[in-house]
C-alpha atoms as a PDB file:
ATOM      1  CA  UNK A   1      -6.842  15.405  -1.764  1.00  0.00           C
ATOM      2  CA  UNK A   2      -9.328  13.512  -3.911  1.00  0.00           C
ATOM      3  CA  UNK A   3     -11.114  10.131  -2.954  1.00  0.00           C
ATOM      4  CA  UNK A   4      -9.941   7.658  -5.281  1.00  0.00           C
ATOM      5  CA  UNK A   5     -11.670   4.738  -3.991  1.00  0.00           C
ATOM      6  CA  UNK A   6     -13.369   3.472  -0.222  1.00  0.00           C
ATOM      7  CA  UNK A   7     -15.003   0.460   0.724  1.00  0.00           C
ATOM      8  CA  UNK A   8     -14.796  -1.596   4.274  1.00  0.00           C
ATOM      9  CA  UNK A   9     -11.049  -2.425   3.821  1.00  0.00           C
ATOM     10  CA  UNK A  10      -9.876   1.223   3.623  1.00  0.00           C
ATOM     11  CA  UNK A  11      -9.916   4.282   1.546  1.00  0.00           C
ATOM     12  CA  UNK A  12      -7.718   5.472  -1.409  1.00  0.00           C
ATOM     13  CA  UNK A  13      -6.839   9.153  -1.273  1.00  0.00           C
ATOM     14  CA  UNK A  14      -5.031  11.152  -4.517  1.00  0.00           C
ATOM     15  CA  UNK A  15      -2.370  13.328  -3.525  1.00  0.00           C
ATOM     16  CA  UNK A  16      -1.469  16.441  -5.866  1.00  0.00           C
ATOM     17  CA  UNK A  17       2.266  15.583  -4.523  1.00  0.00           C
ATOM     18  CA  UNK A  18       2.019  12.904  -7.352  1.00  0.00           C
ATOM     19  CA  UNK A  19       1.211   9.741  -4.995  1.00  0.00           C
ATOM     20  CA  UNK A  20      -1.599   7.607  -3.553  1.00  0.00           C
ATOM     21  CA  UNK A  21      -2.579   7.711   0.242  1.00  0.00           C
ATOM     22  CA  UNK A  22      -3.992   4.244   1.371  1.00  0.00           C
ATOM     23  CA  UNK A  23      -5.734   4.445   4.692  1.00  0.00           C
ATOM     24  CA  UNK A  24      -6.675   1.111   6.232  1.00  0.00           C
ATOM     25  CA  UNK A  25      -9.665   1.028   8.231  1.00  0.00           C
ATOM     26  CA  UNK A  26      -9.815  -0.529  11.580  1.00  0.00           C
ATOM     27  CA  UNK A  27     -13.035  -2.844  10.449  1.00  0.00           C
ATOM     28  CA  UNK A  28     -13.188  -6.054   9.595  1.00  0.00           C
ATOM     29  CA  UNK A  29     -12.911  -7.256   6.428  1.00  0.00           C
ATOM     30  CA  UNK A  30     -13.751  -9.607   3.755  1.00  0.00           C
ATOM     31  CA  UNK A  31     -11.088 -11.106   1.180  1.00  0.00           C
ATOM     32  CA  UNK A  32     -13.404  -9.233  -1.612  1.00  0.00           C
ATOM     33  CA  UNK A  33     -12.675  -6.290   0.023  1.00  0.00           C
ATOM     34  CA  UNK A  34      -9.337  -6.283   0.450  1.00  0.00           C
ATOM     35  CA  UNK A  35      -9.142  -7.582  -3.225  1.00  0.00           C
ATOM     36  CA  UNK A  36     -10.868  -4.673  -4.300  1.00  0.00           C
ATOM     37  CA  UNK A  37      -8.835  -1.925  -2.472  1.00  0.00           C
ATOM     38  CA  UNK A  38      -5.629  -3.408  -3.849  1.00  0.00           C
ATOM     39  CA  UNK A  39      -7.070  -3.788  -6.951  1.00  0.00           C
ATOM     40  CA  UNK A  40      -7.730  -0.083  -7.063  1.00  0.00           C
ATOM     41  CA  UNK A  41      -4.340   0.640  -5.578  1.00  0.00           C
ATOM     42  CA  UNK A  42      -2.904  -0.389  -9.016  1.00  0.00           C
ATOM     43  CA  UNK A  43      -5.578   1.112 -11.075  1.00  0.00           C
ATOM     44  CA  UNK A  44      -4.864   4.604  -9.789  1.00  0.00           C
ATOM     45  CA  UNK A  45      -1.327   4.516  -9.878  1.00  0.00           C
ATOM     46  CA  UNK A  46      -1.302   3.101 -13.740  1.00  0.00           C
ATOM     47  CA  UNK A  47      -3.941   5.933 -14.861  1.00  0.00           C
ATOM     48  CA  UNK A  48      -2.079   8.607 -13.405  1.00  0.00           C
ATOM     49  CA  UNK A  49       1.767   7.182 -13.885  1.00  0.00           C
ATOM     50  CA  UNK A  50       2.608   7.200 -10.294  1.00  0.00           C
ATOM     51  CA  UNK A  51       5.228   4.795  -8.631  1.00  0.00           C
ATOM     52  CA  UNK A  52       4.751   5.849  -4.911  1.00  0.00           C
ATOM     53  CA  UNK A  53       2.215   5.300  -2.454  1.00  0.00           C
ATOM     54  CA  UNK A  54       1.906   5.915   1.500  1.00  0.00           C
ATOM     55  CA  UNK A  55       0.445   3.216   3.090  1.00  0.00           C
ATOM     56  CA  UNK A  56      -1.165   4.002   6.727  1.00  0.00           C
ATOM     57  CA  UNK A  57      -1.853   0.780   8.655  1.00  0.00           C
ATOM     58  CA  UNK A  58      -1.782   2.463  11.873  1.00  0.00           C
ATOM     59  CA  UNK A  59      -5.706   1.170  12.712  1.00  0.00           C
ATOM     60  CA  UNK A  60      -5.190  -1.834  10.607  1.00  0.00           C
ATOM     61  CA  UNK A  61      -6.511  -5.487  11.167  1.00  0.00           C
ATOM     62  CA  UNK A  62      -3.688  -7.899  10.485  1.00  0.00           C
ATOM     63  CA  UNK A  63      -3.428  -9.674   7.458  1.00  0.00           C
ATOM     64  CA  UNK A  64      -4.431 -13.326   7.090  1.00  0.00           C
ATOM     65  CA  UNK A  65      -2.479 -15.978   5.694  1.00  0.00           C
ATOM     66  CA  UNK A  66      -4.729 -16.265   2.678  1.00  0.00           C
ATOM     67  CA  UNK A  67      -4.252 -12.419   2.288  1.00  0.00           C
ATOM     68  CA  UNK A  68      -0.137 -12.338   2.677  1.00  0.00           C
ATOM     69  CA  UNK A  69      -0.294 -15.211   0.369  1.00  0.00           C
ATOM     70  CA  UNK A  70      -2.067 -13.140  -2.383  1.00  0.00           C
ATOM     71  CA  UNK A  71      -0.795  -9.895  -2.102  1.00  0.00           C
ATOM     72  CA  UNK A  72       3.035 -11.231  -2.355  1.00  0.00           C
ATOM     73  CA  UNK A  73       2.322 -13.914  -4.808  1.00  0.00           C
ATOM     74  CA  UNK A  74      -0.663 -11.912  -6.977  1.00  0.00           C
ATOM     75  CA  UNK A  75      -0.831  -8.418  -6.446  1.00  0.00           C
ATOM     76  CA  UNK A  76       2.989  -7.089  -6.006  1.00  0.00           C
ATOM     77  CA  UNK A  77       4.433  -8.901  -9.073  1.00  0.00           C
ATOM     78  CA  UNK A  78       1.231  -7.243 -11.298  1.00  0.00           C
ATOM     79  CA  UNK A  79       1.349  -4.010  -9.414  1.00  0.00           C
ATOM     80  CA  UNK A  80       4.802  -3.519 -10.046  1.00  0.00           C
ATOM     81  CA  UNK A  81       4.637  -4.795 -13.914  1.00  0.00           C
ATOM     82  CA  UNK A  82       1.837  -3.321 -15.197  1.00  0.00           C
ATOM     83  CA  UNK A  83       0.934  -0.247 -12.662  1.00  0.00           C
ATOM     84  CA  UNK A  84       4.755   0.849 -12.022  1.00  0.00           C
ATOM     85  CA  UNK A  85       4.955   0.701  -8.065  1.00  0.00           C
ATOM     86  CA  UNK A  86       8.401   1.252  -6.976  1.00  0.00           C
ATOM     87  CA  UNK A  87       8.361   2.778  -3.349  1.00  0.00           C
ATOM     88  CA  UNK A  88       5.728   1.982  -0.815  1.00  0.00           C
ATOM     89  CA  UNK A  89       6.144   4.336   2.731  1.00  0.00           C
ATOM     90  CA  UNK A  90       4.169   1.932   5.364  1.00  0.00           C
ATOM     91  CA  UNK A  91       2.953   4.048   8.396  1.00  0.00           C
ATOM     92  CA  UNK A  92       3.260   1.022  10.876  1.00  0.00           C
ATOM     93  CA  UNK A  93       0.573  -0.157  13.275  1.00  0.00           C
ATOM     94  CA  UNK A  94       1.054  -0.046  16.692  1.00  0.00           C
ATOM     95  CA  UNK A  95      -0.658  -3.765  16.720  1.00  0.00           C
ATOM     96  CA  UNK A  96       2.372  -6.419  16.877  1.00  0.00           C
ATOM     97  CA  UNK A  97       0.290  -8.919  15.118  1.00  0.00           C
ATOM     98  CA  UNK A  98      -0.252  -6.264  11.844  1.00  0.00           C
ATOM     99  CA  UNK A  99       3.496  -5.382  11.871  1.00  0.00           C
ATOM    100  CA  UNK A 100       4.465  -9.395  11.220  1.00  0.00           C
ATOM    101  CA  UNK A 101       1.782 -10.028   8.969  1.00  0.00           C
ATOM    102  CA  UNK A 102       3.101  -6.991   6.961  1.00  0.00           C
ATOM    103  CA  UNK A 103       6.508  -7.793   7.428  1.00  0.00           C
ATOM    104  CA  UNK A 104       5.938 -11.442   6.048  1.00  0.00           C
ATOM    105  CA  UNK A 105       4.818  -9.264   2.612  1.00  0.00           C
ATOM    106  CA  UNK A 106       7.614  -6.804   2.472  1.00  0.00           C
ATOM    107  CA  UNK A 107       9.879  -9.170   2.699  1.00  0.00           C
ATOM    108  CA  UNK A 108       8.700 -11.282  -0.450  1.00  0.00           C
ATOM    109  CA  UNK A 109       9.736  -8.311  -2.763  1.00  0.00           C
ATOM    110  CA  UNK A 110      13.182 -10.241  -3.453  1.00  0.00           C
ATOM    111  CA  UNK A 111      13.701  -9.425  -7.181  1.00  0.00           C
ATOM    112  CA  UNK A 112      11.246  -6.832  -7.570  1.00  0.00           C
ATOM    113  CA  UNK A 113      12.143  -3.581  -8.468  1.00  0.00           C
ATOM    114  CA  UNK A 114      10.102  -2.197  -5.271  1.00  0.00           C
ATOM    115  CA  UNK A 115      11.539  -0.077  -2.001  1.00  0.00           C
ATOM    116  CA  UNK A 116       9.237  -0.407   1.121  1.00  0.00           C
ATOM    117  CA  UNK A 117      10.601   1.945   4.688  1.00  0.00           C
ATOM    118  CA  UNK A 118       8.417   2.245   7.685  1.00  0.00           C
ATOM    119  CA  UNK A 119       7.519   5.243   9.332  1.00  0.00           C
ATOM    120  CA  UNK A 120       5.872   6.365  12.894  1.00  0.00           C
ATOM    121  CA  UNK A 121       3.903   9.047  11.323  1.00  0.00           C
ATOM    122  CA  UNK A 122       2.433  10.041   7.916  1.00  0.00           C
ATOM    123  CA  UNK A 123       4.577  13.617   7.773  1.00  0.00           C
ATOM    124  CA  UNK A 124       7.754  11.309   7.868  1.00  0.00           C
ATOM    125  CA  UNK A 125       6.515   8.829   5.715  1.00  0.00           C
ATOM    126  CA  UNK A 126       5.275  11.423   3.129  1.00  0.00           C
ATOM    127  CA  UNK A 127       8.887  13.315   3.537  1.00  0.00           C
ATOM    128  CA  UNK A 128      10.611   9.733   2.296  1.00  0.00           C
ATOM    129  CA  UNK A 129       8.098   9.515  -0.362  1.00  0.00           C
ATOM    130  CA  UNK A 130       8.832  12.624  -2.034  1.00  0.00           C
ATOM    131  CA  UNK A 131      12.631  12.347  -2.482  1.00  0.00           C
ATOM    132  CA  UNK A 132      12.012   9.613  -4.543  1.00  0.00           C
ATOM    133  CA  UNK A 133      11.079   9.358  -8.213  1.00  0.00           C
ATOM    134  CA  UNK A 134       7.881  10.783  -9.396  1.00  0.00           C
ATOM    135  CA  UNK A 135       7.481   8.377 -12.609  1.00  0.00           C
ATOM    136  CA  UNK A 136       9.733   5.511 -13.911  1.00  0.00           C
END
């Protein structure tokens, strides 16, 4: 896999199977770093015409309320509309706070043609993701 983008918030990898791997880091991040990571997620999917993403949150710090609102209200609708984002396979954190913060975002996709599923491992997430359409 090739590194597409990396900063304090995490790393984005291009999978030759036709989807993006987003690996969140364990470190504290700024709102600017979070926005940059999400912006590059959408850019990569748009450039590659990919509709799928594996999101590994195992060691991620919880989203703040400001981050939750921005992702749910700004980034998600834009990523669906302009980048073709349709399927997210989330490898969940062991942290209850991180799971709750993520649940806020994933439950605010009503009305968007976007499907999320949660998994315990990258392998399970990848198997599900590979069954989803490559391009829409």
